[in-house]
Amino acid sequence: MRKLILGAIAASTAFAAGPAAAQVWVLRPAVRSQIQSDINQLDRQIERAASRGTISRREATGLRRQANNVQRLHNRYGRNGFTRQEVAQLESEVNQIRQRLRLERRDFDGRRG
C-alpha cells in the first residue's frame, strides 16, 4: 500500500511539472530589443559593405536573404513569446551571418561562397 501511495505521489508531481516546463520563458524587454537591434545592425553592416564594394552584389543578396529569414523567424517567434531555445537560435543565426559577412569581406574574390 505504501509503494502505491508513493507511486501516486511521484506520478502527480510529474504531471504538475509538465505544464510548468511548457510555460513560455519571460523575456526581459531589454533582451528582446537587443535581438531586434542586432538584426537591424546586421542589415546596416551588409548594406555598408555592399555600398563600399567590399562584398559583391551577389554576396550581399545572399546575406540579405539570410538576414530577412532571421527577421521573419524573430517575428514568428515573437507572436507567442520567446522560449530560451528560440532566443538561442536567433542569436546563433545572427552570429553565423556576421561570421559569413566577415569571411566574405576578406575573400576579395567578388563571388559568393
PDB file of N, CA and C in Angstrom:
ATOM      1  N   MET A   1       0.831  -1.189   0.000  1.00  0.00           N
ATOM      2  CA  MET A   1       0.000   0.000   0.000  1.00  0.00           C
ATOM      3  C   MET A   1       0.872   1.248   0.000  1.00  0.00           C
ATOM      4  N   ARG A   2       1.937   1.192   0.775  1.00  0.00           N
ATOM      5  CA  ARG A   2       2.825   2.352   0.878  1.00  0.00           C
ATOM      6  C   ARG A   2       3.491   2.632  -0.467  1.00  0.00           C
ATOM      7  N   LYS A   3       3.898   1.577  -1.188  1.00  0.00           N
ATOM      8  CA  LYS A   3       4.513   1.747  -2.501  1.00  0.00           C
ATOM      9  C   LYS A   3       3.522   2.351  -3.484  1.00  0.00           C
ATOM     10  N   LEU A   4       2.265   1.978  -3.373  1.00  0.00           N
ATOM     11  CA  LEU A   4       1.236   2.505  -4.250  1.00  0.00           C
ATOM     12  C   LEU A   4       1.041   4.004  -4.009  1.00  0.00           C
ATOM     13  N   ILE A   5       1.043   4.419  -2.767  1.00  0.00           N
ATOM     14  CA  ILE A   5       0.875   5.841  -2.440  1.00  0.00           C
ATOM     15  C   ILE A   5       2.082   6.642  -2.925  1.00  0.00           C
ATOM     16  N   LEU A   6       3.284   6.120  -2.704  1.00  0.00           N
ATOM     17  CA  LEU A   6       4.480   6.809  -3.169  1.00  0.00           C
ATOM     18  C   LEU A   6       4.494   6.913  -4.691  1.00  0.00           C
ATOM     19  N   GLY A   7       4.036   5.850  -5.351  1.00  0.00           N
ATOM     20  CA  GLY A   7       3.951   5.871  -6.808  1.00  0.00           C
ATOM     21  C   GLY A   7       2.961   6.917  -7.292  1.00  0.00           C
ATOM     22  N   ALA A   8       1.841   7.050  -6.610  1.00  0.00           N
ATOM     23  CA  ALA A   8       0.831   8.034  -6.977  1.00  0.00           C
ATOM     24  C   ALA A   8       1.347   9.451  -6.749  1.00  0.00           C
ATOM     25  N   ILE A   9       2.085   9.662  -5.687  1.00  0.00           N
ATOM     26  CA  ILE A   9       2.660  10.987  -5.414  1.00  0.00           C
ATOM     27  C   ILE A   9       3.690  11.342  -6.479  1.00  0.00           C
ATOM     28  N   ALA A  10       4.521  10.388  -6.837  1.00  0.00           N
ATOM     29  CA  ALA A  10       5.531  10.635  -7.868  1.00  0.00           C
ATOM     30  C   ALA A  10       4.868  10.951  -9.209  1.00  0.00           C
ATOM     31  N   ALA A  11       3.803  10.225  -9.531  1.00  0.00           N
ATOM     32  CA  ALA A  11       3.103  10.468 -10.794  1.00  0.00           C
ATOM     33  C   ALA A  11       2.437  11.837 -10.790  1.00  0.00           C
ATOM     34  N   SER A  12       1.868  12.243  -9.655  1.00  0.00           N
ATOM     35  CA  SER A  12       1.194  13.543  -9.606  1.00  0.00           C
ATOM     36  C   SER A  12       2.195  14.689  -9.716  1.00  0.00           C
ATOM     37  N   THR A  13       3.382  14.531  -9.165  1.00  0.00           N
ATOM     38  CA  THR A  13       4.389  15.590  -9.308  1.00  0.00           C
ATOM     39  C   THR A  13       4.911  15.644 -10.734  1.00  0.00           C
ATOM     40  N   ALA A  14       4.956  14.509 -11.420  1.00  0.00           N
ATOM     41  CA  ALA A  14       5.399  14.513 -12.819  1.00  0.00           C
ATOM     42  C   ALA A  14       4.396  15.252 -13.683  1.00  0.00           C
ATOM     43  N   PHE A  15       3.101  15.070 -13.414  1.00  0.00           N
ATOM     44  CA  PHE A  15       2.087  15.794 -14.176  1.00  0.00           C
ATOM     45  C   PHE A  15       2.104  17.274 -13.842  1.00  0.00           C
ATOM     46  N   ALA A  16       2.377  17.624 -12.619  1.00  0.00           N
ATOM     47  CA  ALA A  16       2.429  19.034 -12.225  1.00  0.00           C
ATOM     48  C   ALA A  16       3.633  19.724 -12.840  1.00  0.00           C
ATOM     49  N   ALA A  17       4.735  19.006 -13.013  1.00  0.00           N
ATOM     50  CA  ALA A  17       5.935  19.606 -13.581  1.00  0.00           C
ATOM     51  C   ALA A  17       5.813  19.796 -15.089  1.00  0.00           C
ATOM     52  N   GLY A  18       4.979  19.017 -15.750  1.00  0.00           N
ATOM     53  CA  GLY A  18       4.819  19.109 -17.198  1.00  0.00           C
ATOM     54  C   GLY A  18       4.367  20.481 -17.669  1.00  0.00           C
ATOM     55  N   PRO A  19       3.257  21.010 -17.176  1.00  0.00           N
ATOM     56  CA  PRO A  19       2.816  22.323 -17.639  1.00  0.00           C
ATOM     57  C   PRO A  19       3.802  23.434 -17.288  1.00  0.00           C
ATOM     58  N   ALA A  20       4.504  23.312 -16.174  1.00  0.00           N
ATOM     59  CA  ALA A  20       5.467  24.346 -15.803  1.00  0.00           C
ATOM     60  C   ALA A  20       6.623  24.385 -16.800  1.00  0.00           C
ATOM     61  N   ALA A  21       7.014  23.239 -17.290  1.00  0.00           N
ATOM     62  CA  ALA A  21       8.105  23.191 -18.254  1.00  0.00           C
ATOM     63  C   ALA A  21       7.670  23.740 -19.609  1.00  0.00           C
ATOM     64  N   ALA A  22       6.386  23.677 -19.902  1.00  0.00           N
ATOM     65  CA  ALA A  22       5.880  24.141 -21.189  1.00  0.00           C
ATOM     66  C   ALA A  22       5.589  25.643 -21.186  1.00  0.00           C
ATOM     67  N   GLN A  23       5.677  26.282 -20.041  1.00  0.00           N
ATOM     68  CA  GLN A  23       5.386  27.708 -19.976  1.00  0.00           C
ATOM     69  C   GLN A  23       6.410  28.499 -20.759  1.00  0.00           C
ATOM     70  N   VAL A  24       5.961  29.629 -21.278  1.00  0.00           N
ATOM     71  CA  VAL A  24       6.842  30.496 -22.043  1.00  0.00           C
ATOM     72  C   VAL A  24       7.768  31.226 -21.074  1.00  0.00           C
ATOM     73  N   TRP A  25       9.010  31.250 -21.412  1.00  0.00           N
ATOM     74  CA  TRP A  25      10.021  31.937 -20.624  1.00  0.00           C
ATOM     75  C   TRP A  25       9.782  33.428 -20.753  1.00  0.00           C
ATOM     76  N   VAL A  26       9.774  34.137 -19.651  1.00  0.00           N
ATOM     77  CA  VAL A  26       9.533  35.574 -19.676  1.00  0.00           C
ATOM     78  C   VAL A  26      10.829  36.269 -20.066  1.00  0.00           C
ATOM     79  N   LEU A  27      10.787  36.894 -21.209  1.00  0.00           N
ATOM     80  CA  LEU A  27      11.951  37.568 -21.758  1.00  0.00           C
ATOM     81  C   LEU A  27      11.916  39.026 -21.347  1.00  0.00           C
ATOM     82  N   ARG A  28      12.999  39.498 -20.807  1.00  0.00           N
ATOM     83  CA  ARG A  28      13.055  40.904 -20.428  1.00  0.00           C
ATOM     84  C   ARG A  28      12.973  41.758 -21.679  1.00  0.00           C
ATOM     85  N   PRO A  29      12.292  42.898 -21.618  1.00  0.00           N
ATOM     86  CA  PRO A  29      12.173  43.758 -22.806  1.00  0.00           C
ATOM     87  C   PRO A  29      13.529  44.197 -23.355  1.00  0.00           C
ATOM     88  N   ALA A  30      14.515  44.361 -22.498  1.00  0.00           N
ATOM     89  CA  ALA A  30      15.835  44.786 -22.959  1.00  0.00           C
ATOM     90  C   ALA A  30      16.465  43.719 -23.849  1.00  0.00           C
ATOM     91  N   VAL A  31      16.258  42.452 -23.515  1.00  0.00           N
ATOM     92  CA  VAL A  31      16.826  41.373 -24.317  1.00  0.00           C
ATOM     93  C   VAL A  31      16.106  41.300 -25.663  1.00  0.00           C
ATOM     94  N   ARG A  32      14.796  41.440 -25.650  1.00  0.00           N
ATOM     95  CA  ARG A  32      14.019  41.416 -26.890  1.00  0.00           C
ATOM     96  C   ARG A  32      14.441  42.547 -27.818  1.00  0.00           C
ATOM     97  N   SER A  33      14.610  43.741 -27.278  1.00  0.00           N
ATOM     98  CA  SER A  33      15.027  44.872 -28.111  1.00  0.00           C
ATOM     99  C   SER A  33      16.475  44.704 -28.568  1.00  0.00           C
ATOM    100  N   GLN A  34      17.299  44.031 -27.777  1.00  0.00           N
ATOM    101  CA  GLN A  34      18.686  43.785 -28.174  1.00  0.00           C
ATOM    102  C   GLN A  34      18.757  42.846 -29.370  1.00  0.00           C
ATOM    103  N   ILE A  35      17.914  41.838 -29.388  1.00  0.00           N
ATOM    104  CA  ILE A  35      17.886  40.924 -30.527  1.00  0.00           C
ATOM    105  C   ILE A  35      17.469  41.675 -31.786  1.00  0.00           C
ATOM    106  N   GLN A  36      16.421  42.481 -31.673  1.00  0.00           N
ATOM    107  CA  GLN A  36      15.972  43.262 -32.828  1.00  0.00           C
ATOM    108  C   GLN A  36      17.049  44.246 -33.260  1.00  0.00           C
ATOM    109  N   SER A  37      17.728  44.839 -32.318  1.00  0.00           N
ATOM    110  CA  SER A  37      18.824  45.758 -32.628  1.00  0.00           C
ATOM    111  C   SER A  37      19.958  45.048 -33.355  1.00  0.00           C
ATOM    112  N   ASP A  38      20.272  43.830 -32.938  1.00  0.00           N
ATOM    113  CA  ASP A  38      21.324  43.049 -33.605  1.00  0.00           C
ATOM    114  C   ASP A  38      20.954  42.753 -35.061  1.00  0.00           C
ATOM    115  N   ILE A  39      19.687  42.421 -35.291  1.00  0.00           N
ATOM    116  CA  ILE A  39      19.230  42.141 -36.659  1.00  0.00           C
ATOM    117  C   ILE A  39      19.317  43.409 -37.511  1.00  0.00           C
ATOM    118  N   ASN A  40      18.882  44.540 -36.952  1.00  0.00           N
ATOM    119  CA  ASN A  40      18.950  45.804 -37.686  1.00  0.00           C
ATOM    120  C   ASN A  40      20.392  46.200 -37.975  1.00  0.00           C
ATOM    121  N   GLN A  41      21.264  46.010 -37.010  1.00  0.00           N
ATOM    122  CA  GLN A  41      22.677  46.328 -37.193  1.00  0.00           C
ATOM    123  C   GLN A  41      23.287  45.447 -38.282  1.00  0.00           C
ATOM    124  N   LEU A  42      22.893  44.211 -38.316  1.00  0.00           N
ATOM    125  CA  LEU A  42      23.373  43.288 -39.342  1.00  0.00           C
ATOM    126  C   LEU A  42      22.962  43.780 -40.734  1.00  0.00           C
ATOM    127  N   ASP A  43      21.720  44.222 -40.864  1.00  0.00           N
ATOM    128  CA  ASP A  43      21.258  44.772 -42.145  1.00  0.00           C
ATOM    129  C   ASP A  43      22.103  45.971 -42.566  1.00  0.00           C
ATOM    130  N   ARG A  44      22.383  46.859 -41.624  1.00  0.00           N
ATOM    131  CA  ARG A  44      23.189  48.043 -41.938  1.00  0.00           C
ATOM    132  C   ARG A  44      24.614  47.661 -42.330  1.00  0.00           C
ATOM    133  N   GLN A  45      25.191  46.672 -41.665  1.00  0.00           N
ATOM    134  CA  GLN A  45      26.548  46.233 -41.998  1.00  0.00           C
ATOM    135  C   GLN A  45      26.609  45.640 -43.402  1.00  0.00           C
ATOM    136  N   ILE A  46      25.594  44.899 -43.769  1.00  0.00           N
ATOM    137  CA  ILE A  46      25.548  44.315 -45.113  1.00  0.00           C
ATOM    138  C   ILE A  46      25.437  45.426 -46.154  1.00  0.00           C
ATOM    139  N   GLU A  47      24.561  46.386 -45.921  1.00  0.00           N
ATOM    140  CA  GLU A  47      24.394  47.497 -46.861  1.00  0.00           C
ATOM    141  C   GLU A  47      25.677  48.314 -46.989  1.00  0.00           C
ATOM    142  N   ARG A  48      26.327  48.562 -45.874  1.00  0.00           N
ATOM    143  CA  ARG A  48      27.566  49.335 -45.889  1.00  0.00           C
ATOM    144  C   ARG A  48      28.662  48.604 -46.666  1.00  0.00           C
ATOM    145  N   ALA A  49      28.781  47.306 -46.440  1.00  0.00           N
ATOM    146  CA  ALA A  49      29.797  46.519 -47.148  1.00  0.00           C
ATOM    147  C   ALA A  49      29.508  46.481 -48.648  1.00  0.00           C
ATOM    148  N   ALA A  50      28.238  46.387 -49.006  1.00  0.00           N
ATOM    149  CA  ALA A  50      27.876  46.359 -50.426  1.00  0.00           C
ATOM    150  C   ALA A  50      28.136  47.717 -51.074  1.00  0.00           C
ATOM    151  N   SER A  51      27.799  48.793 -50.384  1.00  0.00           N
ATOM    152  CA  SER A  51      27.992  50.120 -50.975  1.00  0.00           C
ATOM    153  C   SER A  51      29.471  50.478 -51.087  1.00  0.00           C
ATOM    154  N   ARG A  52      30.293  49.974 -50.194  1.00  0.00           N
ATOM    155  CA  ARG A  52      31.742  50.228 -50.256  1.00  0.00           C
ATOM    156  C   ARG A  52      32.442  49.314 -51.247  1.00  0.00           C
ATOM    157  N   GLY A  53      31.754  48.281 -51.680  1.00  0.00           N
ATOM    158  CA  GLY A  53      32.343  47.358 -52.635  1.00  0.00           C
ATOM    159  C   GLY A  53      33.222  46.301 -52.009  1.00  0.00           C
ATOM    160  N   THR A  54      33.146  46.144 -50.692  1.00  0.00           N
ATOM    161  CA  THR A  54      33.955  45.103 -50.048  1.00  0.00           C
ATOM    162  C   THR A  54      33.348  43.725 -50.229  1.00  0.00           C
ATOM    163  N   ILE A  55      32.058  43.669 -50.594  1.00  0.00           N
ATOM    164  CA  ILE A  55      31.422  42.415 -50.989  1.00  0.00           C
ATOM    165  C   ILE A  55      30.689  42.675 -52.297  1.00  0.00           C
ATOM    166  N   SER A  56      30.509  41.639 -53.082  1.00  0.00           N
ATOM    167  CA  SER A  56      29.832  41.791 -54.366  1.00  0.00           C
ATOM    168  C   SER A  56      28.321  41.901 -54.159  1.00  0.00           C
ATOM    169  N   ARG A  57      27.625  42.288 -55.227  1.00  0.00           N
ATOM    170  CA  ARG A  57      26.163  42.368 -55.149  1.00  0.00           C
ATOM    171  C   ARG A  57      25.573  40.994 -54.882  1.00  0.00           C
ATOM    172  N   ARG A  58      26.163  39.988 -55.476  1.00  0.00           N
ATOM    173  CA  ARG A  58      25.675  38.628 -55.298  1.00  0.00           C
ATOM    174  C   ARG A  58      25.860  38.167 -53.842  1.00  0.00           C
ATOM    175  N   GLU A  59      27.007  38.465 -53.263  1.00  0.00           N
ATOM    176  CA  GLU A  59      27.244  38.126 -51.858  1.00  0.00           C
ATOM    177  C   GLU A  59      26.271  38.882 -50.962  1.00  0.00           C
ATOM    178  N   ALA A  60      26.048  40.159 -51.280  1.00  0.00           N
ATOM    179  CA  ALA A  60      25.126  40.973 -50.482  1.00  0.00           C
ATOM    180  C   ALA A  60      23.705  40.428 -50.569  1.00  0.00           C
ATOM    181  N   THR A  61      23.323  39.966 -51.745  1.00  0.00           N
ATOM    182  CA  THR A  61      21.976  39.407 -51.911  1.00  0.00           C
ATOM    183  C   THR A  61      21.782  38.175 -51.037  1.00  0.00           C
ATOM    184  N   GLY A  62      22.763  37.291 -51.029  1.00  0.00           N
ATOM    185  CA  GLY A  62      22.663  36.094 -50.183  1.00  0.00           C
ATOM    186  C   GLY A  62      22.616  36.440 -48.702  1.00  0.00           C
ATOM    187  N   LEU A  63      23.438  37.398 -48.290  1.00  0.00           N
ATOM    188  CA  LEU A  63      23.446  37.810 -46.883  1.00  0.00           C
ATOM    189  C   LEU A  63      22.130  38.487 -46.499  1.00  0.00           C
ATOM    190  N   ARG A  64      21.605  39.316 -47.401  1.00  0.00           N
ATOM    191  CA  ARG A  64      20.313  39.968 -47.126  1.00  0.00           C
ATOM    192  C   ARG A  64      19.205  38.929 -46.984  1.00  0.00           C
ATOM    193  N   ARG A  65      19.241  37.921 -47.847  1.00  0.00           N
ATOM    194  CA  ARG A  65      18.234  36.873 -47.778  1.00  0.00           C
ATOM    195  C   ARG A  65      18.286  36.175 -46.419  1.00  0.00           C
ATOM    196  N   GLN A  66      19.488  35.868 -45.964  1.00  0.00           N
ATOM    197  CA  GLN A  66      19.624  35.222 -44.651  1.00  0.00           C
ATOM    198  C   GLN A  66      19.153  36.144 -43.528  1.00  0.00           C
ATOM    199  N   ALA A  67      19.490  37.426 -43.621  1.00  0.00           N
ATOM    200  CA  ALA A  67      19.061  38.380 -42.593  1.00  0.00           C
ATOM    201  C   ALA A  67      17.542  38.524 -42.589  1.00  0.00           C
ATOM    202  N   ASN A  68      16.928  38.522 -43.764  1.00  0.00           N
ATOM    203  CA  ASN A  68      15.467  38.593 -43.836  1.00  0.00           C
ATOM    204  C   ASN A  68      14.823  37.350 -43.242  1.00  0.00           C
ATOM    205  N   ASN A  69      15.442  36.201 -43.455  1.00  0.00           N
ATOM    206  CA  ASN A  69      14.919  34.971 -42.853  1.00  0.00           C
ATOM    207  C   ASN A  69      14.977  35.029 -41.330  1.00  0.00           C
ATOM    208  N   VAL A  70      16.052  35.596 -40.797  1.00  0.00           N
ATOM    209  CA  VAL A  70      16.167  35.740 -39.342  1.00  0.00           C
ATOM    210  C   VAL A  70      15.104  36.708 -38.833  1.00  0.00           C
ATOM    211  N   GLN A  71      14.856  37.780 -39.577  1.00  0.00           N
ATOM    212  CA  GLN A  71      13.821  38.745 -39.169  1.00  0.00           C
ATOM    213  C   GLN A  71      12.443  38.080 -39.173  1.00  0.00           C
ATOM    214  N   ARG A  72      12.153  37.280 -40.190  1.00  0.00           N
ATOM    215  CA  ARG A  72      10.871  36.565 -40.236  1.00  0.00           C
ATOM    216  C   ARG A  72      10.763  35.583 -39.076  1.00  0.00           C
ATOM    217  N   LEU A  73      11.850  34.909 -38.777  1.00  0.00           N
ATOM    218  CA  LEU A  73      11.874  33.976 -37.652  1.00  0.00           C
ATOM    219  C   LEU A  73      11.619  34.722 -36.340  1.00  0.00           C
ATOM    220  N   HIS A  74      12.241  35.876 -36.191  1.00  0.00           N
ATOM    221  CA  HIS A  74      12.040  36.710 -35.000  1.00  0.00           C
ATOM    222  C   HIS A  74      10.575  37.109 -34.879  1.00  0.00           C
ATOM    223  N   ASN A  75       9.975  37.523 -35.977  1.00  0.00           N
ATOM    224  CA  ASN A  75       8.572  37.924 -35.946  1.00  0.00           C
ATOM    225  C   ASN A  75       7.661  36.748 -35.597  1.00  0.00           C
ATOM    226  N   ARG A  76       7.957  35.586 -36.164  1.00  0.00           N
ATOM    227  CA  ARG A  76       7.136  34.402 -35.898  1.00  0.00           C
ATOM    228  C   ARG A  76       7.257  33.975 -34.442  1.00  0.00           C
ATOM    229  N   TYR A  77       8.472  33.933 -33.932  1.00  0.00           N
ATOM    230  CA  TYR A  77       8.667  33.536 -32.540  1.00  0.00           C
ATOM    231  C   TYR A  77       8.062  34.561 -31.580  1.00  0.00           C
ATOM    232  N   GLY A  78       8.129  35.820 -31.931  1.00  0.00           N
ATOM    233  CA  GLY A  78       7.673  36.874 -31.038  1.00  0.00           C
ATOM    234  C   GLY A  78       6.173  36.934 -30.845  1.00  0.00           C
ATOM    235  N   ARG A  79       5.425  36.299 -31.726  1.00  0.00           N
ATOM    236  CA  ARG A  79       3.960  36.347 -31.605  1.00  0.00           C
ATOM    237  C   ARG A  79       3.468  35.746 -30.299  1.00  0.00           C
ATOM    238  N   ASN A  80       4.049  34.631 -29.902  1.00  0.00           N
ATOM    239  CA  ASN A  80       3.598  33.931 -28.701  1.00  0.00           C
ATOM    240  C   ASN A  80       4.588  34.037 -27.561  1.00  0.00           C
ATOM    241  N   GLY A  81       5.569  34.876 -27.693  1.00  0.00           N
ATOM    242  CA  GLY A  81       6.604  34.982 -26.675  1.00  0.00           C
ATOM    243  C   GLY A  81       7.759  34.062 -27.015  1.00  0.00           C
ATOM    244  N   PHE A  82       8.932  34.419 -26.571  1.00  0.00           N
ATOM    245  CA  PHE A  82      10.139  33.671 -26.888  1.00  0.00           C
ATOM    246  C   PHE A  82      10.428  32.623 -25.827  1.00  0.00           C
ATOM    247  N   THR A  83      10.879  31.478 -26.272  1.00  0.00           N
ATOM    248  CA  THR A  83      11.400  30.484 -25.352  1.00  0.00           C
ATOM    249  C   THR A  83      12.921  30.645 -25.333  1.00  0.00           C
ATOM    250  N   ARG A  84      13.561  30.001 -24.400  1.00  0.00           N
ATOM    251  CA  ARG A  84      15.021  30.076 -24.325  1.00  0.00           C
ATOM    252  C   ARG A  84      15.666  29.525 -25.601  1.00  0.00           C
ATOM    253  N   GLN A  85      15.106  28.446 -26.109  1.00  0.00           N
ATOM    254  CA  GLN A  85      15.663  27.842 -27.314  1.00  0.00           C
ATOM    255  C   GLN A  85      15.520  28.770 -28.516  1.00  0.00           C
ATOM    256  N   GLU A  86      14.408  29.479 -28.603  1.00  0.00           N
ATOM    257  CA  GLU A  86      14.202  30.402 -29.714  1.00  0.00           C
ATOM    258  C   GLU A  86      15.179  31.566 -29.654  1.00  0.00           C
ATOM    259  N   VAL A  87      15.404  32.083 -28.463  1.00  0.00           N
ATOM    260  CA  VAL A  87      16.374  33.166 -28.300  1.00  0.00           C
ATOM    261  C   VAL A  87      17.766  32.678 -28.679  1.00  0.00           C
ATOM    262  N   ALA A  88      18.112  31.493 -28.220  1.00  0.00           N
ATOM    263  CA  ALA A  88      19.425  30.932 -28.549  1.00  0.00           C
ATOM    264  C   ALA A  88      19.563  30.716 -30.051  1.00  0.00           C
ATOM    265  N   GLN A  89      18.499  30.258 -30.704  1.00  0.00           N
ATOM    266  CA  GLN A  89      18.553  30.036 -32.142  1.00  0.00           C
ATOM    267  C   GLN A  89      18.713  31.357 -32.887  1.00  0.00           C
ATOM    268  N   LEU A  90      17.981  32.385 -32.482  1.00  0.00           N
ATOM    269  CA  LEU A  90      18.101  33.692 -33.131  1.00  0.00           C
ATOM    270  C   LEU A  90      19.510  34.250 -32.981  1.00  0.00           C
ATOM    271  N   GLU A  91      20.050  34.160 -31.777  1.00  0.00           N
ATOM    272  CA  GLU A  91      21.410  34.648 -31.552  1.00  0.00           C
ATOM    273  C   GLU A  91      22.412  33.872 -32.387  1.00  0.00           C
ATOM    274  N   SER A  92      22.225  32.574 -32.482  1.00  0.00           N
ATOM    275  CA  SER A  92      23.119  31.742 -33.276  1.00  0.00           C
ATOM    276  C   SER A  92      23.051  32.117 -34.757  1.00  0.00           C
ATOM    277  N   GLU A  93      21.844  32.324 -35.256  1.00  0.00           N
ATOM    278  CA  GLU A  93      21.663  32.703 -36.665  1.00  0.00           C
ATOM    279  C   GLU A  93      22.335  34.045 -36.957  1.00  0.00           C
ATOM    280  N   VAL A  94      22.135  35.023 -36.072  1.00  0.00           N
ATOM    281  CA  VAL A  94      22.745  36.342 -36.262  1.00  0.00           C
ATOM    282  C   VAL A  94      24.267  36.221 -36.258  1.00  0.00           C
ATOM    283  N   ASN A  95      24.799  35.436 -35.336  1.00  0.00           N
ATOM    284  CA  ASN A  95      26.255  35.265 -35.268  1.00  0.00           C
ATOM    285  C   ASN A  95      26.804  34.563 -36.503  1.00  0.00           C
ATOM    286  N   GLN A  96      26.063  33.605 -37.042  1.00  0.00           N
ATOM    287  CA  GLN A  96      26.507  32.915 -38.252  1.00  0.00           C
ATOM    288  C   GLN A  96      26.557  33.872 -39.443  1.00  0.00           C
ATOM    289  N   ILE A  97      25.560  34.740 -39.550  1.00  0.00           N
ATOM    290  CA  ILE A  97      25.541  35.700 -40.658  1.00  0.00           C
ATOM    291  C   ILE A  97      26.669  36.713 -40.492  1.00  0.00           C
ATOM    292  N   ARG A  98      26.911  37.148 -39.261  1.00  0.00           N
ATOM    293  CA  ARG A  98      28.041  38.058 -39.018  1.00  0.00           C
ATOM    294  C   ARG A  98      29.362  37.422 -39.434  1.00  0.00           C
ATOM    295  N   GLN A  99      29.535  36.159 -39.082  1.00  0.00           N
ATOM    296  CA  GLN A  99      30.751  35.433 -39.441  1.00  0.00           C
ATOM    297  C   GLN A  99      30.878  35.322 -40.955  1.00  0.00           C
ATOM    298  N   ARG A 100      29.786  35.010 -41.603  1.00  0.00           N
ATOM    299  CA  ARG A 100      29.822  34.893 -43.062  1.00  0.00           C
ATOM    300  C   ARG A 100      30.145  36.236 -43.710  1.00  0.00           C
ATOM    301  N   LEU A 101      29.579  37.320 -43.179  1.00  0.00           N
ATOM    302  CA  LEU A 101      29.878  38.660 -43.697  1.00  0.00           C
ATOM    303  C   LEU A 101      31.365  38.966 -43.536  1.00  0.00           C
ATOM    304  N   ARG A 102      31.905  38.628 -42.388  1.00  0.00           N
ATOM    305  CA  ARG A 102      33.338  38.833 -42.140  1.00  0.00           C
ATOM    306  C   ARG A 102      34.188  38.063 -43.154  1.00  0.00           C
ATOM    307  N   LEU A 103      33.811  36.818 -43.393  1.00  0.00           N
ATOM    308  CA  LEU A 103      34.555  35.993 -44.346  1.00  0.00           C
ATOM    309  C   LEU A 103      34.412  36.511 -45.777  1.00  0.00           C
ATOM    310  N   GLU A 104      33.226  36.955 -46.146  1.00  0.00           N
ATOM    311  CA  GLU A 104      33.012  37.469 -47.500  1.00  0.00           C
ATOM    312  C   GLU A 104      33.814  38.755 -47.725  1.00  0.00           C
ATOM    313  N   ARG A 105      33.942  39.563 -46.696  1.00  0.00           N
ATOM    314  CA  ARG A 105      34.733  40.791 -46.829  1.00  0.00           C
ATOM    315  C   ARG A 105      36.203  40.476 -47.076  1.00  0.00           C
ATOM    316  N   ARG A 106      36.685  39.397 -46.497  1.00  0.00           N
ATOM    317  CA  ARG A 106      38.113  39.078 -46.561  1.00  0.00           C
ATOM    318  C   ARG A 106      38.503  38.209 -47.743  1.00  0.00           C
ATOM    319  N   ASP A 107      37.543  37.701 -48.494  1.00  0.00           N
ATOM    320  CA  ASP A 107      37.934  36.780 -49.569  1.00  0.00           C
ATOM    321  C   ASP A 107      38.374  37.505 -50.834  1.00  0.00           C
ATOM    322  N   PHE A 108      37.944  38.724 -51.034  1.00  0.00           N
ATOM    323  CA  PHE A 108      38.382  39.570 -52.153  1.00  0.00           C
ATOM    324  C   PHE A 108      38.201  38.917 -53.520  1.00  0.00           C
ATOM    325  N   ASP A 109      37.217  38.027 -53.641  1.00  0.00           N
ATOM    326  CA  ASP A 109      37.031  37.387 -54.943  1.00  0.00           C
ATOM    327  C   ASP A 109      35.791  37.868 -55.679  1.00  0.00           C
ATOM    328  N   GLY A 110      34.887  38.557 -54.973  1.00  0.00           N
ATOM    329  CA  GLY A 110      33.681  39.054 -55.619  1.00  0.00           C
ATOM    330  C   GLY A 110      32.671  37.970 -55.957  1.00  0.00           C
ATOM    331  N   ARG A 111      32.892  36.767 -55.429  1.00  0.00           N
ATOM    332  CA  ARG A 111      31.974  35.669 -55.688  1.00  0.00           C
ATOM    333  C   ARG A 111      31.387  35.179 -54.369  1.00  0.00           C
ATOM    334  N   ARG A 112      30.223  34.601 -54.480  1.00  0.00           N
ATOM    335  CA  ARG A 112      29.565  34.053 -53.314  1.00  0.00           C
ATOM    336  C   ARG A 112      30.161  32.700 -52.968  1.00  0.00           C
ATOM    337  N   GLY A 113      30.247  32.432 -51.640  1.00  0.00           N
ATOM    338  CA  GLY A 113      30.696  31.100 -51.223  1.00  0.00           C
ATOM    339  C   GLY A 113      32.062  30.997 -50.851  1.00  0.00           C
TER     340      GLY A 113
END
